[in-house]
């Protein structure tokens, strides 16, 4: 896994490439935390992710909840990643209703990844 954070004021884009599996979970966690320390709003780009597993989906959910508790926002950029979309759907994460913990009901797993 490789990541690149491009902060621009209160907004940043975290681009993830390669595999997002249990092997990379610790590195992914640190990249997400670091990104939220740099920007109030972070958009994740997964267009170049080649593999993803349930552990990383769970980690993304946990970071989303943590960001909400810190009055920060973390979202996905619109994605063309069929690999990511298929894993989200196969794992049962695809949703039509947003997260109940979010005041505006946003959720990683609605919209573009459905």
C-alpha atoms as a PDB file:
ATOM      1  CA  UNK A   1       0.000   0.000   0.000  1.00  0.00           C
ATOM      2  CA  UNK A   2       1.107   3.499  -0.788  1.00  0.00           C
ATOM      3  CA  UNK A   3      -0.596   6.692   0.246  1.00  0.00           C
ATOM      4  CA  UNK A   4      -0.286  10.332  -0.601  1.00  0.00           C
ATOM      5  CA  UNK A   5      -1.905  13.130   1.350  1.00  0.00           C
ATOM      6  CA  UNK A   6      -2.437  16.406  -0.468  1.00  0.00           C
ATOM      7  CA  UNK A   7      -3.639  18.935   2.120  1.00  0.00           C
ATOM      8  CA  UNK A   8      -5.039  22.264   1.008  1.00  0.00           C
ATOM      9  CA  UNK A   9      -6.181  24.329   3.974  1.00  0.00           C
ATOM     10  CA  UNK A  10      -9.006  22.596   5.814  1.00  0.00           C
ATOM     11  CA  UNK A  11      -9.405  20.035   2.992  1.00  0.00           C
ATOM     12  CA  UNK A  12      -7.139  17.171   2.050  1.00  0.00           C
ATOM     13  CA  UNK A  13      -7.230  14.244  -0.338  1.00  0.00           C
ATOM     14  CA  UNK A  14      -5.749  10.926   0.722  1.00  0.00           C
ATOM     15  CA  UNK A  15      -4.934   8.780  -2.302  1.00  0.00           C
ATOM     16  CA  UNK A  16      -4.520   5.082  -1.554  1.00  0.00           C
ATOM     17  CA  UNK A  17      -2.915   2.673  -4.004  1.00  0.00           C
ATOM     18  CA  UNK A  18      -2.148  -1.024  -3.962  1.00  0.00           C
ATOM     19  CA  UNK A  19      -3.487  -3.546  -1.469  1.00  0.00           C
ATOM     20  CA  UNK A  20      -5.620  -2.675   1.553  1.00  0.00           C
ATOM     21  CA  UNK A  21      -5.626  -5.933   3.483  1.00  0.00           C
ATOM     22  CA  UNK A  22      -4.923  -7.005   7.057  1.00  0.00           C
ATOM     23  CA  UNK A  23      -1.201  -6.803   6.260  1.00  0.00           C
ATOM     24  CA  UNK A  24      -1.522  -3.054   5.566  1.00  0.00           C
ATOM     25  CA  UNK A  25      -4.105  -2.282   8.285  1.00  0.00           C
ATOM     26  CA  UNK A  26      -1.641  -0.671  10.699  1.00  0.00           C
ATOM     27  CA  UNK A  27      -0.152   1.492   7.950  1.00  0.00           C
ATOM     28  CA  UNK A  28      -3.635   2.452   6.734  1.00  0.00           C
ATOM     29  CA  UNK A  29      -4.719   3.388  10.255  1.00  0.00           C
ATOM     30  CA  UNK A  30      -1.703   5.666  10.676  1.00  0.00           C
ATOM     31  CA  UNK A  31      -2.267   7.273   7.253  1.00  0.00           C
ATOM     32  CA  UNK A  32      -5.905   7.998   8.099  1.00  0.00           C
ATOM     33  CA  UNK A  33      -5.081   9.442  11.523  1.00  0.00           C
ATOM     34  CA  UNK A  34      -2.270  11.570  10.089  1.00  0.00           C
ATOM     35  CA  UNK A  35      -4.594  12.863   7.357  1.00  0.00           C
ATOM     36  CA  UNK A  36      -7.240  13.911   9.878  1.00  0.00           C
ATOM     37  CA  UNK A  37      -4.578  15.676  11.946  1.00  0.00           C
ATOM     38  CA  UNK A  38      -3.659  17.767   8.882  1.00  0.00           C
ATOM     39  CA  UNK A  39      -7.153  18.619   7.612  1.00  0.00           C
ATOM     40  CA  UNK A  40     -10.687  18.966   8.956  1.00  0.00           C
ATOM     41  CA  UNK A  41     -12.124  17.318   5.843  1.00  0.00           C
ATOM     42  CA  UNK A  42     -10.402  14.383   4.174  1.00  0.00           C
ATOM     43  CA  UNK A  43     -11.557  12.772   0.932  1.00  0.00           C
ATOM     44  CA  UNK A  44     -10.224   9.282   0.251  1.00  0.00           C
ATOM     45  CA  UNK A  45      -9.376   8.280  -3.307  1.00  0.00           C
ATOM     46  CA  UNK A  46      -9.402   4.487  -3.875  1.00  0.00           C
ATOM     47  CA  UNK A  47      -9.240   4.467  -7.686  1.00  0.00           C
ATOM     48  CA  UNK A  48      -5.916   2.612  -7.661  1.00  0.00           C
ATOM     49  CA  UNK A  49      -6.623   0.067  -4.929  1.00  0.00           C
ATOM     50  CA  UNK A  50      -5.896  -3.439  -6.219  1.00  0.00           C
ATOM     51  CA  UNK A  51      -7.205  -5.494  -3.280  1.00  0.00           C
ATOM     52  CA  UNK A  52      -9.172  -4.812  -0.112  1.00  0.00           C
ATOM     53  CA  UNK A  53     -10.464  -6.986   2.685  1.00  0.00           C
ATOM     54  CA  UNK A  54     -12.945  -6.774   5.532  1.00  0.00           C
ATOM     55  CA  UNK A  55     -10.355  -5.647   8.086  1.00  0.00           C
ATOM     56  CA  UNK A  56      -9.739  -2.442   6.154  1.00  0.00           C
ATOM     57  CA  UNK A  57     -13.460  -1.797   5.641  1.00  0.00           C
ATOM     58  CA  UNK A  58     -13.901  -2.105   9.414  1.00  0.00           C
ATOM     59  CA  UNK A  59     -10.974   0.241   9.976  1.00  0.00           C
ATOM     60  CA  UNK A  60     -12.471   2.822   7.624  1.00  0.00           C
ATOM     61  CA  UNK A  61     -15.761   2.651   9.551  1.00  0.00           C
ATOM     62  CA  UNK A  62     -13.957   3.125  12.861  1.00  0.00           C
ATOM     63  CA  UNK A  63     -12.026   6.141  11.565  1.00  0.00           C
ATOM     64  CA  UNK A  64     -15.255   7.634  10.192  1.00  0.00           C
ATOM     65  CA  UNK A  65     -16.888   7.359  13.638  1.00  0.00           C
ATOM     66  CA  UNK A  66     -13.798   8.813  15.295  1.00  0.00           C
ATOM     67  CA  UNK A  67     -13.764  11.744  12.864  1.00  0.00           C
ATOM     68  CA  UNK A  68     -17.416  12.479  13.617  1.00  0.00           C
ATOM     69  CA  UNK A  69     -16.571  12.626  17.315  1.00  0.00           C
ATOM     70  CA  UNK A  70     -13.835  15.158  16.564  1.00  0.00           C
ATOM     71  CA  UNK A  71     -16.049  17.364  14.364  1.00  0.00           C
ATOM     72  CA  UNK A  72     -14.078  16.331  11.311  1.00  0.00           C
ATOM     73  CA  UNK A  73     -15.303  14.792   8.092  1.00  0.00           C
ATOM     74  CA  UNK A  74     -13.921  11.899   6.099  1.00  0.00           C
ATOM     75  CA  UNK A  75     -15.511  10.832   2.826  1.00  0.00           C
ATOM     76  CA  UNK A  76     -14.748   8.988  -0.392  1.00  0.00           C
ATOM     77  CA  UNK A  77     -14.121  10.792  -3.641  1.00  0.00           C
ATOM     78  CA  UNK A  78     -16.317   9.378  -6.395  1.00  0.00           C
ATOM     79  CA  UNK A  79     -14.604   6.140  -7.344  1.00  0.00           C
ATOM     80  CA  UNK A  80     -14.154   4.108 -10.472  1.00  0.00           C
ATOM     81  CA  UNK A  81     -12.636   1.237  -8.500  1.00  0.00           C
ATOM     82  CA  UNK A  82     -14.555  -1.916  -9.373  1.00  0.00           C
ATOM     83  CA  UNK A  83     -12.305  -3.875  -6.986  1.00  0.00           C
ATOM     84  CA  UNK A  84     -13.271  -1.681  -4.030  1.00  0.00           C
ATOM     85  CA  UNK A  85     -16.954  -1.526  -4.980  1.00  0.00           C
ATOM     86  CA  UNK A  86     -17.225  -5.321  -5.336  1.00  0.00           C
ATOM     87  CA  UNK A  87     -15.685  -5.959  -1.921  1.00  0.00           C
ATOM     88  CA  UNK A  88     -17.962  -3.366  -0.282  1.00  0.00           C
ATOM     89  CA  UNK A  89     -20.991  -5.087  -1.806  1.00  0.00           C
ATOM     90  CA  UNK A  90     -19.801  -8.657  -1.096  1.00  0.00           C
ATOM     91  CA  UNK A  91     -19.078  -7.780   2.540  1.00  0.00           C
ATOM     92  CA  UNK A  92     -22.602  -6.375   2.952  1.00  0.00           C
ATOM     93  CA  UNK A  93     -21.407  -2.814   3.570  1.00  0.00           C
ATOM     94  CA  UNK A  94     -23.333  -1.179   0.704  1.00  0.00           C
ATOM     95  CA  UNK A  95     -26.096   0.965   2.192  1.00  0.00           C
ATOM     96  CA  UNK A  96     -28.946   3.151   1.077  1.00  0.00           C
ATOM     97  CA  UNK A  97     -29.247   5.014   4.382  1.00  0.00           C
ATOM     98  CA  UNK A  98     -26.351   6.844   6.000  1.00  0.00           C
ATOM     99  CA  UNK A  99     -24.729   6.336   9.371  1.00  0.00           C
ATOM    100  CA  UNK A 100     -27.015   6.985  12.339  1.00  0.00           C
ATOM    101  CA  UNK A 101     -24.072   8.519  14.209  1.00  0.00           C
ATOM    102  CA  UNK A 102     -23.654  11.232  11.581  1.00  0.00           C
ATOM    103  CA  UNK A 103     -25.779  14.378  12.000  1.00  0.00           C
ATOM    104  CA  UNK A 104     -26.141  14.693   8.215  1.00  0.00           C
ATOM    105  CA  UNK A 105     -26.467  10.894   7.809  1.00  0.00           C
ATOM    106  CA  UNK A 106     -23.432  10.607   5.552  1.00  0.00           C
ATOM    107  CA  UNK A 107     -21.773   7.241   5.267  1.00  0.00           C
ATOM    108  CA  UNK A 108     -18.898   5.732   3.338  1.00  0.00           C
ATOM    109  CA  UNK A 109     -21.031   2.957   2.019  1.00  0.00           C
ATOM    110  CA  UNK A 110     -23.837   4.935   0.329  1.00  0.00           C
ATOM    111  CA  UNK A 111     -23.804   6.558  -3.084  1.00  0.00           C
ATOM    112  CA  UNK A 112     -20.799   5.976  -5.333  1.00  0.00           C
ATOM    113  CA  UNK A 113     -19.753   2.695  -3.729  1.00  0.00           C
ATOM    114  CA  UNK A 114     -23.166   1.083  -4.013  1.00  0.00           C
END
